[in-house]
N, C-alpha and C. Protein backbone atom coordinates (compact mmCIF):
# COMPACT_ATOMS: atom_id res chain seq x y z
N UNK A 1 23.80 45.82 -47.25
CA UNK A 1 24.11 45.01 -45.95
C UNK A 1 22.76 45.44 -44.72
N UNK A 2 22.24 46.58 -44.19
CA UNK A 2 20.90 46.72 -44.23
C UNK A 2 19.70 46.18 -44.75
N UNK A 3 19.29 46.38 -45.44
CA UNK A 3 18.53 45.04 -45.71
C UNK A 3 18.74 43.45 -46.12
N UNK A 4 20.09 43.05 -45.99
CA UNK A 4 19.95 41.98 -45.52
C UNK A 4 20.01 41.59 -44.54
N UNK A 5 20.17 42.42 -43.49
CA UNK A 5 19.61 41.84 -42.30
C UNK A 5 18.33 42.00 -41.74
N UNK A 6 17.97 42.91 -42.17
CA UNK A 6 16.28 43.30 -42.27
C UNK A 6 15.46 41.63 -42.56
N UNK A 7 15.80 41.16 -43.79
CA UNK A 7 15.61 40.21 -44.63
C UNK A 7 15.60 38.26 -43.51
N UNK A 8 17.01 38.60 -42.93
CA UNK A 8 17.66 37.56 -42.09
C UNK A 8 16.91 37.31 -40.99
N UNK A 9 16.32 38.99 -40.37
CA UNK A 9 15.50 39.07 -39.06
C UNK A 9 14.14 38.96 -39.25
N UNK A 10 13.73 38.76 -40.45
CA UNK A 10 12.31 38.37 -40.34
C UNK A 10 12.28 36.98 -40.53
N UNK A 11 13.00 36.40 -40.99
CA UNK A 11 13.17 34.74 -41.77
C UNK A 11 13.24 34.20 -40.09
N UNK A 12 14.24 34.62 -39.75
CA UNK A 12 13.90 34.25 -38.72
C UNK A 12 12.82 33.97 -36.99
N UNK A 13 12.07 35.61 -37.17
CA UNK A 13 10.73 35.75 -36.05
C UNK A 13 9.66 34.96 -37.49
N UNK A 14 10.09 34.14 -38.45
CA UNK A 14 8.70 33.51 -38.91
C UNK A 14 9.65 32.03 -38.77
N UNK A 15 10.36 31.59 -38.85
CA UNK A 15 10.59 30.70 -38.87
C UNK A 15 10.73 29.72 -36.76
N UNK A 16 10.81 30.97 -35.82
CA UNK A 16 10.30 30.49 -34.82
C UNK A 16 9.25 31.06 -35.20
N UNK A 17 8.32 31.05 -35.00
CA UNK A 17 6.90 31.01 -34.87
C UNK A 17 6.16 29.67 -35.49
N UNK A 18 6.59 29.26 -37.04
CA UNK A 18 6.37 27.36 -37.57
C UNK A 18 6.81 27.32 -36.93
N UNK A 19 7.79 26.99 -35.99
CA UNK A 19 8.66 25.79 -35.05
C UNK A 19 7.62 25.64 -33.43
N UNK A 20 7.70 27.03 -33.19
CA UNK A 20 6.77 27.40 -31.73
C UNK A 20 5.09 26.51 -32.41
N UNK A 21 4.36 27.13 -33.41
CA UNK A 21 3.61 26.86 -33.64
C UNK A 21 3.45 25.02 -33.60
N UNK A 22 4.09 24.72 -34.30
CA UNK A 22 4.74 23.49 -34.83
C UNK A 22 4.50 22.48 -33.40
N UNK A 23 5.57 22.88 -32.66
CA UNK A 23 5.79 21.90 -31.36
C UNK A 23 3.68 22.35 -30.72
N UNK A 24 3.16 23.81 -30.30
CA UNK A 24 2.41 23.92 -29.52
C UNK A 24 1.17 22.37 -30.33
N UNK A 25 0.73 22.77 -31.78
CA UNK A 25 0.09 21.62 -32.20
C UNK A 25 0.52 19.90 -31.79
N UNK A 26 1.63 19.85 -31.59
CA UNK A 26 1.83 18.66 -31.53
C UNK A 26 1.83 17.92 -30.16
N UNK A 27 1.48 19.57 -29.08
CA UNK A 27 1.83 18.36 -27.70
C UNK A 27 -0.14 19.24 -27.31
N UNK A 28 -0.48 19.51 -28.45
CA UNK A 28 -1.95 19.12 -28.53
C UNK A 28 -2.55 18.41 -28.66
N UNK A 29 -2.04 17.60 -29.66
CA UNK A 29 -2.50 16.61 -30.84
C UNK A 29 -2.47 15.76 -29.63
N UNK A 30 -1.27 15.35 -28.34
CA UNK A 30 -1.15 14.16 -27.69
C UNK A 30 -1.56 14.52 -26.58
N UNK A 31 -2.35 14.83 -26.16
CA UNK A 31 -2.85 15.66 -24.96
C UNK A 31 -4.43 15.19 -25.18
N UNK A 32 -4.96 14.79 -26.10
CA UNK A 32 -6.03 14.49 -26.66
C UNK A 32 -6.12 13.50 -26.71
N UNK A 33 -5.32 12.63 -26.58
CA UNK A 33 -5.92 11.01 -26.87
C UNK A 33 -5.57 11.07 -25.32
N UNK A 34 -5.91 11.08 -24.44
CA UNK A 34 -5.91 11.55 -22.89
C UNK A 34 -7.05 11.42 -22.65
N UNK A 35 -8.10 10.77 -21.51
CA UNK A 35 -9.22 11.05 -20.83
C UNK A 35 -9.48 12.07 -20.28
N UNK A 36 -10.04 12.75 -19.81
CA UNK A 36 -10.01 14.43 -19.09
C UNK A 36 -10.81 13.39 -18.02
N UNK A 37 -9.73 13.65 -17.08
CA UNK A 37 -10.05 13.29 -15.91
C UNK A 37 -10.02 14.31 -14.66
N UNK A 38 -10.77 15.04 -13.80
CA UNK A 38 -10.89 15.93 -12.98
C UNK A 38 -9.52 16.39 -11.66
N UNK A 39 -9.41 14.85 -11.85
CA UNK A 39 -8.27 14.68 -9.91
C UNK A 39 -7.04 14.74 -11.56
N UNK A 40 -5.72 13.95 -10.40
CA UNK A 40 -5.21 13.37 -11.44
C UNK A 40 -4.71 12.60 -12.52
N UNK A 41 -3.56 13.11 -13.24
CA UNK A 41 -3.84 12.59 -14.60
C UNK A 41 -3.97 10.51 -14.69
N UNK A 42 -4.75 10.12 -14.98
CA UNK A 42 -4.63 9.05 -14.83
C UNK A 42 -5.32 7.93 -15.77
N UNK A 43 -4.76 6.72 -15.89
CA UNK A 43 -4.40 5.45 -17.29
C UNK A 43 -6.20 5.26 -17.86
N UNK A 44 -6.48 4.97 -18.71
CA UNK A 44 -7.76 4.95 -19.72
C UNK A 44 -8.10 4.30 -18.92
N UNK A 45 -9.58 4.54 -18.18
CA UNK A 45 -10.17 3.19 -17.56
C UNK A 45 -11.24 2.01 -18.85
N UNK A 46 -11.54 0.88 -18.29
CA UNK A 46 -12.00 -0.04 -19.32
C UNK A 46 -13.50 -0.17 -19.33
N UNK A 47 -13.84 -0.32 -20.56
CA UNK A 47 -15.67 0.59 -20.69
C UNK A 47 -16.57 -0.89 -20.11
N UNK A 48 -17.13 -0.67 -19.07
CA UNK A 48 -18.45 -1.69 -18.80
C UNK A 48 -18.99 -2.57 -19.35
N UNK A 49 -19.28 -3.79 -19.16
CA UNK A 49 -19.70 -4.71 -20.24
C UNK A 49 -21.55 -4.46 -20.51
N UNK A 50 -21.31 -4.41 -21.53
CA UNK A 50 -23.34 -4.44 -22.10
C UNK A 50 -24.22 -5.35 -21.34
N UNK A 51 -25.01 -4.18 -21.20
CA UNK A 51 -26.17 -5.38 -20.03
C UNK A 51 -27.80 -4.98 -20.77
N UNK A 52 -28.04 -4.10 -21.24
CA UNK A 52 -29.39 -3.96 -22.14
C UNK A 52 -28.38 -4.13 -23.16
N UNK A 53 -29.80 -4.87 -23.98
CA UNK A 53 -29.54 -5.07 -25.41
C UNK A 53 -30.36 -3.73 -25.92
N UNK A 54 -30.19 -3.17 -27.42
CA UNK A 54 -30.68 -2.58 -28.24
C UNK A 54 -32.31 -2.58 -28.37
N UNK A 55 -32.48 -4.09 -28.57
CA UNK A 55 -34.03 -4.01 -28.20
C UNK A 55 -34.41 -3.71 -26.76
N UNK A 56 -33.86 -3.63 -26.20
CA UNK A 56 -35.06 -3.51 -24.56
C UNK A 56 -35.31 -2.02 -24.01
N UNK A 57 -34.11 -1.13 -25.47
CA UNK A 57 -34.49 0.12 -25.27
C UNK A 57 -35.95 0.67 -26.33
N UNK A 58 -37.11 1.06 -25.79
CA UNK A 58 -37.84 1.86 -26.55
C UNK A 58 -38.95 2.82 -26.06
N UNK A 59 -37.66 3.74 -27.25
CA UNK A 59 -38.58 5.43 -27.21
C UNK A 59 -39.48 5.97 -28.24
N UNK A 60 -39.93 6.84 -26.94
CA UNK A 60 -42.07 7.22 -27.43
C UNK A 60 -41.31 8.95 -27.38
N UNK A 61 -42.66 9.40 -28.21
CA UNK A 61 -42.98 11.01 -28.25
C UNK A 61 -43.12 11.15 -25.92
N UNK A 62 -43.55 10.49 -25.63
CA UNK A 62 -44.24 10.86 -24.33
C UNK A 62 -42.89 9.77 -23.49
N UNK A 63 -42.13 9.49 -23.56
CA UNK A 63 -41.67 8.07 -22.71
C UNK A 63 -40.53 6.97 -22.91
N UNK A 64 -39.66 6.96 -22.46
CA UNK A 64 -38.68 5.88 -22.32
C UNK A 64 -39.03 4.22 -21.91
N UNK A 65 -39.18 3.48 -22.01
CA UNK A 65 -39.56 2.19 -21.14
C UNK A 65 -37.80 1.16 -21.85
N UNK A 66 -37.06 1.29 -19.95
CA UNK A 66 -36.15 -0.16 -20.75
C UNK A 66 -36.73 -1.02 -20.04
N UNK A 67 -36.93 -2.53 -20.79
CA UNK A 67 -36.91 -3.40 -20.41
C UNK A 67 -36.64 -4.31 -19.79
N UNK A 68 -36.14 -3.95 -18.27
CA UNK A 68 -35.04 -4.49 -17.72
C UNK A 68 -35.93 -5.12 -16.03
N UNK A 69 -35.42 -6.12 -16.28
CA UNK A 69 -36.48 -6.98 -14.93
C UNK A 69 -35.23 -6.55 -13.69
N UNK A 70 -35.51 -6.13 -12.15
CA UNK A 70 -34.79 -6.75 -11.20
C UNK A 70 -34.48 -5.66 -11.06
N UNK A 71 -34.37 -3.88 -11.86
CA UNK A 71 -33.30 -2.65 -11.92
C UNK A 71 -33.80 -2.65 -10.26
N UNK A 72 -32.53 -1.48 -9.50
CA UNK A 72 -33.14 -0.51 -9.13
C UNK A 72 -31.94 0.90 -9.19
N UNK A 73 -33.01 1.68 -8.46
CA UNK A 73 -32.73 3.18 -8.83
C UNK A 73 -31.90 3.87 -7.56
N UNK A 74 -30.62 4.27 -8.09
CA UNK A 74 -29.43 4.10 -7.62
C UNK A 74 -29.04 5.63 -7.44
N UNK A 75 -28.37 6.80 -6.20
CA UNK A 75 -28.15 8.07 -6.13
C UNK A 75 -26.98 8.42 -5.63
N UNK A 76 -26.04 9.17 -5.81
CA UNK A 76 -24.67 9.61 -5.35
C UNK A 76 -24.26 10.04 -4.44
N UNK A 77 -23.28 9.97 -3.82
CA UNK A 77 -23.06 10.99 -2.82
C UNK A 77 -21.87 11.70 -3.24
N UNK A 78 -21.75 13.61 -3.04
CA UNK A 78 -20.88 13.90 -3.60
C UNK A 78 -19.60 13.99 -3.20
N UNK A 79 -18.82 12.31 -3.57
CA UNK A 79 -17.63 12.63 -3.17
C UNK A 79 -16.78 12.98 -4.48
N UNK A 80 -16.80 12.86 -5.21
CA UNK A 80 -16.33 13.49 -6.95
C UNK A 80 -15.25 12.65 -7.78
N UNK A 81 -15.24 11.22 -6.16
CA UNK A 81 -13.97 10.49 -6.80
C UNK A 81 -14.69 9.99 -8.38
N UNK A 82 -15.85 9.77 -8.57
CA UNK A 82 -16.20 9.22 -10.03
C UNK A 82 -16.59 10.17 -11.36
N UNK A 83 -16.53 11.51 -10.63
CA UNK A 83 -16.21 12.94 -11.82
C UNK A 83 -15.28 11.78 -12.55
N UNK A 84 -15.83 12.77 -14.01
CA UNK A 84 -17.04 13.48 -14.51
C UNK A 84 -17.70 12.38 -14.98
N UNK A 85 -17.63 11.50 -15.17
CA UNK A 85 -18.88 10.04 -15.02
C UNK A 85 -20.03 10.32 -14.22
N UNK A 86 -20.06 10.30 -12.82
CA UNK A 86 -21.53 10.38 -11.88
C UNK A 86 -20.55 12.18 -11.42
N UNK A 87 -21.37 12.33 -11.07
CA UNK A 87 -21.72 13.25 -10.07
C UNK A 87 -22.73 13.02 -8.95
N UNK A 88 -22.75 14.00 -7.91
CA UNK A 88 -23.79 13.89 -7.25
C UNK A 88 -25.24 14.30 -7.69
N UNK A 89 -25.52 14.96 -8.57
CA UNK A 89 -26.90 15.47 -9.42
C UNK A 89 -27.17 14.45 -10.53
N UNK A 90 -26.10 12.97 -10.43
CA UNK A 90 -26.70 11.75 -11.04
C UNK A 90 -27.29 11.18 -10.57
N UNK A 91 -28.07 10.38 -11.31
CA UNK A 91 -29.35 9.19 -10.90
C UNK A 91 -28.47 8.15 -11.64
N UNK A 92 -28.85 6.75 -10.79
CA UNK A 92 -28.20 5.45 -12.16
C UNK A 92 -28.82 4.67 -11.84
N UNK A 93 -29.27 3.70 -12.84
CA UNK A 93 -30.18 2.19 -12.72
C UNK A 93 -29.08 1.44 -12.40
N UNK A 94 -28.92 0.01 -11.80
CA UNK A 94 -28.90 -0.87 -10.90
C UNK A 94 -29.08 -1.91 -11.24
N UNK A 95 -28.43 -3.33 -11.32
CA UNK A 95 -29.39 -4.80 -11.27
C UNK A 95 -28.50 -5.35 -10.45
N UNK A 96 -28.83 -5.96 -9.77
CA UNK A 96 -28.01 -7.27 -8.75
C UNK A 96 -27.22 -8.56 -9.54
N UNK A 97 -26.05 -8.35 -9.39
CA UNK A 97 -25.53 -9.37 -10.27
C UNK A 97 -26.10 -10.77 -9.29
N UNK A 98 -26.38 -11.69 -10.05
CA UNK A 98 -26.43 -12.92 -9.40
C UNK A 98 -25.20 -13.69 -9.36
N UNK A 99 -24.14 -13.26 -9.99
CA UNK A 99 -23.10 -14.75 -9.11
C UNK A 99 -21.62 -13.45 -9.56
N UNK A 100 -20.58 -14.20 -9.49
CA UNK A 100 -19.31 -12.69 -10.11
C UNK A 100 -19.09 -13.14 -11.00
N UNK A 101 -19.55 -14.68 -12.08
CA UNK A 101 -19.28 -14.47 -13.36
C UNK A 101 -19.52 -13.22 -14.21
N UNK A 102 -21.07 -13.16 -13.62
CA UNK A 102 -21.47 -11.68 -14.84
C UNK A 102 -20.33 -10.28 -13.97
N UNK A 103 -19.57 -10.49 -13.64
CA UNK A 103 -18.82 -8.76 -13.28
C UNK A 103 -17.52 -9.12 -14.33
N UNK A 104 -17.53 -8.07 -14.57
CA UNK A 104 -15.73 -7.65 -15.58
C UNK A 104 -15.46 -6.80 -15.46
N UNK A 105 -14.57 -6.63 -15.50
CA UNK A 105 -12.64 -5.32 -15.20
C UNK A 105 -13.88 -4.22 -16.23
N UNK A 106 -13.48 -2.88 -15.65
CA UNK A 106 -14.54 -2.12 -16.64
C UNK A 106 -15.77 -1.58 -15.39
N UNK A 107 -16.17 -2.58 -14.85
CA UNK A 107 -17.63 -2.47 -14.36
C UNK A 107 -17.68 -1.58 -13.46
N UNK A 108 -18.69 -0.24 -13.47
CA UNK A 108 -19.26 0.30 -11.85
C UNK A 108 -20.00 -0.26 -11.35
N UNK A 109 -19.93 -0.60 -10.18
CA UNK A 109 -21.25 -1.58 -8.98
C UNK A 109 -20.29 -0.80 -8.20
N UNK A 110 -21.12 -0.83 -7.23
CA UNK A 110 -22.15 0.25 -6.14
C UNK A 110 -21.75 -1.32 -4.53
N UNK A 111 -20.90 -1.17 -3.38
CA UNK A 111 -20.89 -2.25 -2.45
C UNK A 111 -21.00 -1.47 -1.59
N UNK A 112 -20.53 -2.24 -0.13
CA UNK A 112 -21.02 -1.54 1.19
C UNK A 112 -19.51 -1.79 1.28
N UNK A 113 -18.74 -0.60 2.03
CA UNK A 113 -17.52 -0.58 2.61
C UNK A 113 -17.01 -1.36 3.81
N UNK A 114 -15.76 -1.72 4.22
CA UNK A 114 -15.48 -1.71 5.33
C UNK A 114 -14.82 -0.81 5.64
N UNK A 115 -13.98 0.27 4.62
CA UNK A 115 -13.45 1.78 5.34
C UNK A 115 -14.33 2.68 5.67
N UNK A 116 -15.88 3.17 5.18
CA UNK A 116 -16.53 4.01 5.16
C UNK A 116 -17.40 3.61 5.36
N UNK A 117 -18.67 4.26 6.07
CA UNK A 117 -20.35 4.05 5.87
C UNK A 117 -20.71 4.00 4.91
N UNK A 118 -22.34 3.88 3.83
CA UNK A 118 -22.99 3.81 3.61
C UNK A 118 -22.30 2.97 1.61
N UNK A 119 -23.04 2.73 0.87
CA UNK A 119 -22.30 2.53 -0.23
C UNK A 119 -21.60 3.47 -1.33
N UNK A 120 -20.22 2.29 -1.61
CA UNK A 120 -19.33 3.32 -2.59
C UNK A 120 -19.53 2.45 -4.10
N UNK A 121 -20.13 3.53 -4.89
CA UNK A 121 -19.61 3.39 -5.92
C UNK A 121 -18.06 3.38 -7.12
N UNK A 122 -17.66 2.58 -7.59
CA UNK A 122 -16.43 2.23 -8.03
C UNK A 122 -15.99 1.40 -9.24
N UNK A 123 -15.09 1.67 -10.31
CA UNK A 123 -15.15 0.96 -11.32
C UNK A 123 -14.38 -0.66 -10.74
N UNK A 124 -14.48 -1.60 -11.34
CA UNK A 124 -13.64 -2.71 -11.35
C UNK A 124 -12.65 -2.59 -12.25
N UNK A 125 -11.31 -3.11 -11.14
CA UNK A 125 -9.74 -2.53 -12.10
C UNK A 125 -8.90 -3.93 -11.91
N UNK A 126 -9.37 -4.70 -11.32
CA UNK A 126 -9.07 -6.29 -11.40
C UNK A 126 -10.04 -7.27 -10.38
N UNK A 127 -10.06 -8.33 -11.34
CA UNK A 127 -10.84 -9.22 -10.33
C UNK A 127 -9.93 -10.70 -9.89
N UNK A 128 -9.95 -11.91 -9.67
CA UNK A 128 -9.23 -12.11 -9.01
C UNK A 128 -9.69 -13.01 -7.91
N UNK A 129 -9.01 -14.13 -7.46
CA UNK A 129 -9.15 -15.82 -6.57
C UNK A 129 -8.24 -16.01 -5.73
N UNK A 130 -9.30 -15.97 -4.42
CA UNK A 130 -7.82 -15.92 -3.30
C UNK A 130 -8.34 -17.28 -2.49
N UNK A 131 -8.16 -17.77 -1.12
CA UNK A 131 -7.95 -18.59 -0.55
C UNK A 131 -9.80 -18.44 0.41
N UNK A 132 -10.36 -16.93 0.23
CA UNK A 132 -11.36 -16.64 0.61
C UNK A 132 -12.48 -16.52 -0.65
N UNK A 133 -12.23 -16.94 -2.06
CA UNK A 133 -12.66 -16.96 -3.50
C UNK A 133 -12.74 -15.67 -4.04
N UNK A 134 -13.37 -15.43 -5.37
CA UNK A 134 -13.33 -14.35 -5.86
C UNK A 134 -13.35 -13.12 -5.36
N UNK A 135 -13.05 -11.92 -4.97
CA UNK A 135 -12.88 -11.22 -5.23
C UNK A 135 -12.61 -9.68 -6.75
N UNK A 136 -13.12 -8.60 -6.37
CA UNK A 136 -12.68 -7.55 -6.95
C UNK A 136 -11.49 -6.66 -6.37
N UNK A 137 -11.03 -5.91 -7.20
CA UNK A 137 -10.24 -4.17 -6.70
C UNK A 137 -10.97 -3.18 -7.54
N UNK A 138 -11.10 -1.74 -6.59
CA UNK A 138 -11.93 -1.25 -7.31
C UNK A 138 -11.13 0.11 -7.08
N UNK A 139 -11.99 0.84 -8.23
CA UNK A 139 -10.34 2.39 -7.66
C UNK A 139 -11.83 3.59 -8.68
N UNK A 140 -11.67 4.36 -7.56
CA UNK A 140 -12.80 5.71 -8.59
C UNK A 140 -12.17 6.14 -9.48
N UNK A 141 -13.07 6.92 -10.47
CA UNK A 141 -12.15 6.75 -11.33
C UNK A 141 -11.12 8.61 -11.34
N UNK A 142 -12.04 8.81 -10.37
CA UNK A 142 -10.41 10.71 -10.23
C UNK A 142 -9.59 10.20 -9.01
N UNK A 143 -9.96 9.63 -8.83
CA UNK A 143 -9.06 9.10 -7.24
C UNK A 143 -7.42 8.58 -7.58
N UNK A 144 -7.12 9.08 -6.92
CA UNK A 144 -5.38 8.44 -7.57
C UNK A 144 -4.99 6.98 -7.09
N UNK A 145 -5.36 6.38 -6.59
CA UNK A 145 -5.15 4.58 -5.76
C UNK A 145 -6.75 4.03 -5.42
N UNK A 146 -6.32 3.39 -6.01
CA UNK A 146 -7.27 2.46 -5.58
C UNK A 146 -7.95 1.92 -4.14
N UNK A 147 -9.04 1.47 -4.17
CA UNK A 147 -9.88 1.53 -2.36
C UNK A 147 -8.68 0.05 -1.90
N UNK A 148 -9.17 0.58 -0.56
CA UNK A 148 -8.08 -0.60 0.10
C UNK A 148 -9.03 -1.79 0.65
N UNK A 149 -8.40 -2.64 0.80
CA UNK A 149 -8.58 -4.13 0.39
C UNK A 149 -9.13 -5.06 -1.11
N UNK A 150 -9.76 -6.00 -1.12
CA UNK A 150 -10.68 -6.84 -1.90
C UNK A 150 -12.76 -6.43 -1.43
N UNK A 151 -12.94 -6.61 -2.57
CA UNK A 151 -14.23 -6.94 -2.47
C UNK A 151 -14.40 -8.11 -2.94
N UNK A 152 -15.88 -8.64 -1.57
CA UNK A 152 -15.96 -9.77 -2.35
C UNK A 152 -17.60 -9.84 -2.59
N UNK A 153 -18.04 -10.26 -3.28
CA UNK A 153 -19.29 -10.54 -4.00
C UNK A 153 -20.13 -10.42 -2.79
N UNK A 154 -20.41 -10.82 -1.52
CA UNK A 154 -21.54 -10.55 -0.76
C UNK A 154 -21.63 -9.24 -0.67
N UNK A 155 -20.37 -8.03 -0.95
CA UNK A 155 -20.37 -7.28 -0.16
C UNK A 155 -21.39 -6.33 -1.69
N UNK A 156 -21.22 -6.30 -2.86
CA UNK A 156 -21.62 -5.93 -3.77
C UNK A 156 -23.39 -6.01 -3.92
N UNK A 157 -23.75 -4.91 -3.80
CA UNK A 157 -25.61 -4.08 -3.73
C UNK A 157 -25.78 -3.75 -5.29
N UNK A 158 -24.61 -3.81 -6.38
CA UNK A 158 -25.42 -3.63 -8.11
C UNK A 158 -24.47 -3.15 -8.54
N UNK A 159 -24.24 -4.09 -10.20
CA UNK A 159 -23.44 -2.93 -11.26
C UNK A 159 -24.82 -1.89 -12.23
N UNK A 160 -24.55 -1.29 -11.85
CA UNK A 160 -24.44 0.27 -13.19
C UNK A 160 -25.05 -0.50 -14.51
N UNK A 161 -25.87 -0.46 -14.96
CA UNK A 161 -26.12 -0.39 -16.71
C UNK A 161 -26.82 0.84 -16.76
N UNK A 162 -26.46 1.84 -16.24
CA UNK A 162 -27.28 3.23 -17.37
C UNK A 162 -27.34 4.69 -16.18
N UNK A 163 -26.48 5.62 -16.80
CA UNK A 163 -26.73 6.60 -15.99
C UNK A 163 -27.60 7.68 -16.62
N UNK A 164 -28.44 8.54 -15.52
CA UNK A 164 -29.40 9.76 -16.54
C UNK A 164 -28.65 11.07 -15.28
N UNK A 165 -28.62 12.18 -15.82
CA UNK A 165 -27.51 13.44 -15.79
C UNK A 165 -29.02 14.15 -15.54
């Protein structure tokens, strides 16, 4: 009888270990499908439009050349709103869009905002038209809420085409 109780105990411990291991593996699997964000969990973000063709990127032993006209250099303020994609130590390359048709959901833009001083760099999450014309709704990847108000084309300084870490 004592031997039977020991066998049942060992089987129970083994079974509980196997069950908890399976549950832990399932939890890890579902978490790995979510994007890593520093702040509160967010929905996955859209990918920016491709603006630089592979034929425009030239890598040599002593330099890299991006054959892109009218590009400008961008640096970022330490707000953490676009982490982990962009930090205050990152640098960027931007292009000035010529029309709203060039801007897509997922693009990261810098713009002059009415709610803060300086340029804000956030991702376009929605575009539309109203009685004032084209607008974008933007949000920092690491922010829980979208930016207040609509961003008009005239407010846009540039669209990010590259990040240098």
